[in-house]
Amino acid sequence: MNDKRHCSAQASADRPGHRSLGDWPVITPDRWLSDFAKIDIRDEVRPKVLKANARKILGI
């Protein structure tokens, strides 16, 4: 895995309550999800990164 992409996904996972600047250059959502699935983080953190942050940003 590309170290830069891994670092971005890992940084998002390590800071679930913080906004990320995203991945530039842009990667596809499928690629991001695939990379995210490969990183070693606690299971209880994954929903915070994937759902809780999205709900907060979208106000739902």
PDB file of N, CA and C in Angstrom:
ATOM      1  N   MET A   1       0.858  -1.179   0.000  1.00  0.00           N
ATOM      2  CA  MET A   1       0.000   0.000   0.000  1.00  0.00           C
ATOM      3  C   MET A   1       0.896   1.232   0.000  1.00  0.00           C
ATOM      4  N   ASN A   2       0.496   2.243  -0.733  1.00  0.00           N
ATOM      5  CA  ASN A   2       1.226   3.495  -0.782  1.00  0.00           C
ATOM      6  C   ASN A   2       1.261   4.109   0.610  1.00  0.00           C
ATOM      7  N   ASP A   3       2.461   4.440   1.087  1.00  0.00           N
ATOM      8  CA  ASP A   3       2.594   4.969   2.447  1.00  0.00           C
ATOM      9  C   ASP A   3       1.801   6.248   2.659  1.00  0.00           C
ATOM     10  N   LYS A   4       1.742   7.113   1.655  1.00  0.00           N
ATOM     11  CA  LYS A   4       1.011   8.373   1.803  1.00  0.00           C
ATOM     12  C   LYS A   4      -0.480   8.116   2.010  1.00  0.00           C
ATOM     13  N   ARG A   5      -1.059   7.192   1.237  1.00  0.00           N
ATOM     14  CA  ARG A   5      -2.478   6.869   1.404  1.00  0.00           C
ATOM     15  C   ARG A   5      -2.711   6.177   2.735  1.00  0.00           C
ATOM     16  N   HIS A   6      -1.802   5.290   3.105  1.00  0.00           N
ATOM     17  CA  HIS A   6      -1.940   4.597   4.384  1.00  0.00           C
ATOM     18  C   HIS A   6      -1.925   5.608   5.526  1.00  0.00           C
ATOM     19  N   CYS A   7      -1.022   6.565   5.456  1.00  0.00           N
ATOM     20  CA  CYS A   7      -0.926   7.573   6.522  1.00  0.00           C
ATOM     21  C   CYS A   7      -2.201   8.385   6.618  1.00  0.00           C
ATOM     22  N   SER A   8      -2.786   8.719   5.479  1.00  0.00           N
ATOM     23  CA  SER A   8      -4.019   9.502   5.492  1.00  0.00           C
ATOM     24  C   SER A   8      -5.161   8.718   6.109  1.00  0.00           C
ATOM     25  N   ALA A   9      -5.316   7.470   5.710  1.00  0.00           N
ATOM     26  CA  ALA A   9      -6.380   6.637   6.276  1.00  0.00           C
ATOM     27  C   ALA A   9      -6.134   6.393   7.754  1.00  0.00           C
ATOM     28  N   GLN A  10      -4.892   6.146   8.133  1.00  0.00           N
ATOM     29  CA  GLN A  10      -4.565   5.904   9.534  1.00  0.00           C
ATOM     30  C   GLN A  10      -4.802   7.164  10.355  1.00  0.00           C
ATOM     31  N   ALA A  11      -4.436   8.326   9.812  1.00  0.00           N
ATOM     32  CA  ALA A  11      -4.647   9.581  10.538  1.00  0.00           C
ATOM     33  C   ALA A  11      -6.130   9.812  10.788  1.00  0.00           C
ATOM     34  N   SER A  12      -6.968   9.507   9.806  1.00  0.00           N
ATOM     35  CA  SER A  12      -8.410   9.642   9.998  1.00  0.00           C
ATOM     36  C   SER A  12      -8.898   8.715  11.091  1.00  0.00           C
ATOM     37  N   ALA A  13      -8.390   7.514  11.099  1.00  0.00           N
ATOM     38  CA  ALA A  13      -8.811   6.530  12.084  1.00  0.00           C
ATOM     39  C   ALA A  13      -8.329   6.878  13.482  1.00  0.00           C
ATOM     40  N   ASP A  14      -7.133   7.441  13.569  1.00  0.00           N
ATOM     41  CA  ASP A  14      -6.566   7.785  14.871  1.00  0.00           C
ATOM     42  C   ASP A  14      -7.246   8.988  15.504  1.00  0.00           C
ATOM     43  N   ARG A  15      -7.900   9.814  14.715  1.00  0.00           N
ATOM     44  CA  ARG A  15      -8.526  11.033  15.219  1.00  0.00           C
ATOM     45  C   ARG A  15      -9.986  11.079  14.784  1.00  0.00           C
ATOM     46  N   PRO A  16     -10.822  10.172  15.293  1.00  0.00           N
ATOM     47  CA  PRO A  16     -12.185  10.041  14.791  1.00  0.00           C
ATOM     48  C   PRO A  16     -13.074  11.262  14.996  1.00  0.00           C
ATOM     49  N   GLY A  17     -12.754  12.147  15.882  1.00  0.00           N
ATOM     50  CA  GLY A  17     -13.590  13.321  16.087  1.00  0.00           C
ATOM     51  C   GLY A  17     -13.117  14.540  15.322  1.00  0.00           C
ATOM     52  N   HIS A  18     -12.065  14.377  14.541  1.00  0.00           N
ATOM     53  CA  HIS A  18     -11.474  15.511  13.835  1.00  0.00           C
ATOM     54  C   HIS A  18     -11.713  15.392  12.341  1.00  0.00           C
ATOM     55  N   ARG A  19     -11.825  16.520  11.695  1.00  0.00           N
ATOM     56  CA  ARG A  19     -11.999  16.524  10.248  1.00  0.00           C
ATOM     57  C   ARG A  19     -10.654  16.311   9.577  1.00  0.00           C
ATOM     58  N   SER A  20     -10.705  15.634   8.468  1.00  0.00           N
ATOM     59  CA  SER A  20      -9.509  15.397   7.668  1.00  0.00           C
ATOM     60  C   SER A  20      -9.545  16.329   6.467  1.00  0.00           C
ATOM     61  N   LEU A  21      -8.389  16.713   5.992  1.00  0.00           N
ATOM     62  CA  LEU A  21      -8.327  17.526   4.783  1.00  0.00           C
ATOM     63  C   LEU A  21      -8.581  16.696   3.536  1.00  0.00           C
ATOM     64  N   GLY A  22      -8.622  15.388   3.706  1.00  0.00           N
ATOM     65  CA  GLY A  22      -8.916  14.515   2.589  1.00  0.00           C
ATOM     66  C   GLY A  22      -7.655  14.002   1.929  1.00  0.00           C
ATOM     67  N   ASP A  23      -7.848  13.289   0.851  1.00  0.00           N
ATOM     68  CA  ASP A  23      -6.740  12.711   0.104  1.00  0.00           C
ATOM     69  C   ASP A  23      -6.575  13.471  -1.198  1.00  0.00           C
ATOM     70  N   TRP A  24      -5.416  14.028  -1.390  1.00  0.00           N
ATOM     71  CA  TRP A  24      -5.121  14.722  -2.634  1.00  0.00           C
ATOM     72  C   TRP A  24      -3.822  14.217  -3.160  1.00  0.00           C
ATOM     73  N   PRO A  25      -3.687  13.746  -4.366  1.00  0.00           N
ATOM     74  CA  PRO A  25      -4.770  13.786  -5.337  1.00  0.00           C
ATOM     75  C   PRO A  25      -5.914  12.869  -4.938  1.00  0.00           C
ATOM     76  N   VAL A  26      -7.062  13.146  -5.481  1.00  0.00           N
ATOM     77  CA  VAL A  26      -8.291  12.444  -5.108  1.00  0.00           C
ATOM     78  C   VAL A  26      -8.164  10.958  -5.410  1.00  0.00           C
ATOM     79  N   ILE A  27      -8.620  10.139  -4.474  1.00  0.00           N
ATOM     80  CA  ILE A  27      -8.731   8.705  -4.719  1.00  0.00           C
ATOM     81  C   ILE A  27     -10.214   8.355  -4.680  1.00  0.00           C
ATOM     82  N   THR A  28     -10.549   7.255  -5.297  1.00  0.00           N
ATOM     83  CA  THR A  28     -11.959   6.867  -5.355  1.00  0.00           C
ATOM     84  C   THR A  28     -12.434   6.416  -3.974  1.00  0.00           C
ATOM     85  N   PRO A  29     -13.729   6.548  -3.704  1.00  0.00           N
ATOM     86  CA  PRO A  29     -14.258   6.046  -2.434  1.00  0.00           C
ATOM     87  C   PRO A  29     -13.982   4.556  -2.236  1.00  0.00           C
ATOM     88  N   ASP A  30     -14.087   3.776  -3.314  1.00  0.00           N
ATOM     89  CA  ASP A  30     -13.805   2.341  -3.195  1.00  0.00           C
ATOM     90  C   ASP A  30     -12.366   2.097  -2.770  1.00  0.00           C
ATOM     91  N   ARG A  31     -11.439   2.844  -3.328  1.00  0.00           N
ATOM     92  CA  ARG A  31     -10.023   2.682  -2.959  1.00  0.00           C
ATOM     93  C   ARG A  31      -9.810   3.092  -1.508  1.00  0.00           C
ATOM     94  N   TRP A  32     -10.429   4.211  -1.081  1.00  0.00           N
ATOM     95  CA  TRP A  32     -10.263   4.663   0.303  1.00  0.00           C
ATOM     96  C   TRP A  32     -10.808   3.616   1.267  1.00  0.00           C
ATOM     97  N   LEU A  33     -11.993   3.092   0.971  1.00  0.00           N
ATOM     98  CA  LEU A  33     -12.590   2.075   1.837  1.00  0.00           C
ATOM     99  C   LEU A  33     -11.737   0.808   1.886  1.00  0.00           C
ATOM    100  N   SER A  34     -11.170   0.435   0.749  1.00  0.00           N
ATOM    101  CA  SER A  34     -10.295  -0.739   0.711  1.00  0.00           C
ATOM    102  C   SER A  34      -9.052  -0.518   1.577  1.00  0.00           C
ATOM    103  N   ASP A  35      -8.433   0.647   1.445  1.00  0.00           N
ATOM    104  CA  ASP A  35      -7.259   0.964   2.262  1.00  0.00           C
ATOM    105  C   ASP A  35      -7.631   1.047   3.740  1.00  0.00           C
ATOM    106  N   PHE A  36      -8.768   1.643   4.030  1.00  0.00           N
ATOM    107  CA  PHE A  36      -9.236   1.789   5.409  1.00  0.00           C
ATOM    108  C   PHE A  36      -9.472   0.429   6.059  1.00  0.00           C
ATOM    109  N   ALA A  37      -9.992  -0.519   5.290  1.00  0.00           N
ATOM    110  CA  ALA A  37     -10.255  -1.863   5.815  1.00  0.00           C
ATOM    111  C   ALA A  37      -8.974  -2.591   6.202  1.00  0.00           C
ATOM    112  N   LYS A  38      -7.866  -2.191   5.614  1.00  0.00           N
ATOM    113  CA  LYS A  38      -6.591  -2.880   5.850  1.00  0.00           C
ATOM    114  C   LYS A  38      -5.811  -2.350   7.048  1.00  0.00           C
ATOM    115  N   ILE A  39      -6.179  -1.203   7.572  1.00  0.00           N
ATOM    116  CA  ILE A  39      -5.399  -0.641   8.674  1.00  0.00           C
ATOM    117  C   ILE A  39      -5.817  -1.251  10.002  1.00  0.00           C
ATOM    118  N   ASP A  40      -4.884  -1.245  10.917  1.00  0.00           N
ATOM    119  CA  ASP A  40      -5.097  -1.860  12.227  1.00  0.00           C
ATOM    120  C   ASP A  40      -5.630  -0.816  13.208  1.00  0.00           C
ATOM    121  N   ILE A  41      -6.951  -0.789  13.351  1.00  0.00           N
ATOM    122  CA  ILE A  41      -7.578   0.097  14.339  1.00  0.00           C
ATOM    123  C   ILE A  41      -8.634  -0.688  15.098  1.00  0.00           C
ATOM    124  N   ARG A  42      -9.026  -0.162  16.234  1.00  0.00           N
ATOM    125  CA  ARG A  42     -10.048  -0.830  17.045  1.00  0.00           C
ATOM    126  C   ARG A  42     -11.392  -0.819  16.299  1.00  0.00           C
ATOM    127  N   ASP A  43     -12.129  -1.907  16.459  1.00  0.00           N
ATOM    128  CA  ASP A  43     -13.422  -2.033  15.782  1.00  0.00           C
ATOM    129  C   ASP A  43     -14.398  -0.927  16.170  1.00  0.00           C
ATOM    130  N   GLU A  44     -14.339  -0.455  17.419  1.00  0.00           N
ATOM    131  CA  GLU A  44     -15.280   0.585  17.837  1.00  0.00           C
ATOM    132  C   GLU A  44     -14.966   1.952  17.231  1.00  0.00           C
ATOM    133  N   VAL A  45     -13.794   2.117  16.646  1.00  0.00           N
ATOM    134  CA  VAL A  45     -13.418   3.390  16.021  1.00  0.00           C
ATOM    135  C   VAL A  45     -13.952   3.479  14.586  1.00  0.00           C
ATOM    136  N   ARG A  46     -14.039   2.354  13.900  1.00  0.00           N
ATOM    137  CA  ARG A  46     -14.457   2.358  12.487  1.00  0.00           C
ATOM    138  C   ARG A  46     -15.795   3.071  12.249  1.00  0.00           C
ATOM    139  N   PRO A  47     -16.852   2.790  13.023  1.00  0.00           N
ATOM    140  CA  PRO A  47     -18.117   3.500  12.779  1.00  0.00           C
ATOM    141  C   PRO A  47     -18.010   5.006  13.001  1.00  0.00           C
ATOM    142  N   LYS A  48     -17.139   5.412  13.905  1.00  0.00           N
ATOM    143  CA  LYS A  48     -16.968   6.844  14.143  1.00  0.00           C
ATOM    144  C   LYS A  48     -16.379   7.514  12.914  1.00  0.00           C
ATOM    145  N   VAL A  49     -15.446   6.860  12.273  1.00  0.00           N
ATOM    146  CA  VAL A  49     -14.829   7.421  11.069  1.00  0.00           C
ATOM    147  C   VAL A  49     -15.814   7.381   9.903  1.00  0.00           C
ATOM    148  N   LEU A  50     -16.505   6.275   9.741  1.00  0.00           N
ATOM    149  CA  LEU A  50     -17.353   6.095   8.562  1.00  0.00           C
ATOM    150  C   LEU A  50     -18.725   6.746   8.672  1.00  0.00           C
ATOM    151  N   LYS A  51     -19.342   6.713   9.842  1.00  0.00           N
ATOM    152  CA  LYS A  51     -20.719   7.186   9.947  1.00  0.00           C
ATOM    153  C   LYS A  51     -20.859   8.436  10.805  1.00  0.00           C
ATOM    154  N   ALA A  52     -20.289   8.430  11.975  1.00  0.00           N
ATOM    155  CA  ALA A  52     -20.491   9.544  12.903  1.00  0.00           C
ATOM    156  C   ALA A  52     -19.988  10.867  12.325  1.00  0.00           C
ATOM    157  N   ASN A  53     -18.824  10.845  11.695  1.00  0.00           N
ATOM    158  CA  ASN A  53     -18.305  12.085  11.104  1.00  0.00           C
ATOM    159  C   ASN A  53     -19.191  12.561   9.965  1.00  0.00           C
ATOM    160  N   ALA A  54     -19.670  11.640   9.135  1.00  0.00           N
ATOM    161  CA  ALA A  54     -20.554  12.007   8.035  1.00  0.00           C
ATOM    162  C   ALA A  54     -21.852  12.621   8.550  1.00  0.00           C
ATOM    163  N   ARG A  55     -22.434  12.012   9.581  1.00  0.00           N
ATOM    164  CA  ARG A  55     -23.671  12.560  10.151  1.00  0.00           C
ATOM    165  C   ARG A  55     -23.453  13.951  10.707  1.00  0.00           C
ATOM    166  N   LYS A  56     -22.325  14.153  11.355  1.00  0.00           N
ATOM    167  CA  LYS A  56     -22.019  15.464  11.931  1.00  0.00           C
ATOM    168  C   LYS A  56     -21.869  16.522  10.835  1.00  0.00           C
ATOM    169  N   ILE A  57     -21.141  16.187   9.801  1.00  0.00           N
ATOM    170  CA  ILE A  57     -20.928  17.142   8.701  1.00  0.00           C
ATOM    171  C   ILE A  57     -22.232  17.446   7.975  1.00  0.00           C
ATOM    172  N   LEU A  58     -23.075  16.409   7.766  1.00  0.00           N
ATOM    173  CA  LEU A  58     -24.331  16.594   7.046  1.00  0.00           C
ATOM    174  C   LEU A  58     -25.459  17.113   7.930  1.00  0.00           C
ATOM    175  N   GLY A  59     -25.221  17.156   9.243  1.00  0.00           N
ATOM    176  CA  GLY A  59     -26.228  17.660  10.156  1.00  0.00           C
ATOM    177  C   GLY A  59     -27.427  16.737  10.307  1.00  0.00           C
ATOM    178  N   ILE A  60     -27.216  15.444  10.232  1.00  0.00           N
ATOM    179  CA  ILE A  60     -28.331  14.498  10.370  1.00  0.00           C
ATOM    180  C   ILE A  60     -28.141  13.613  11.579  1.00  0.00           C
TER     181      ILE A  60
END
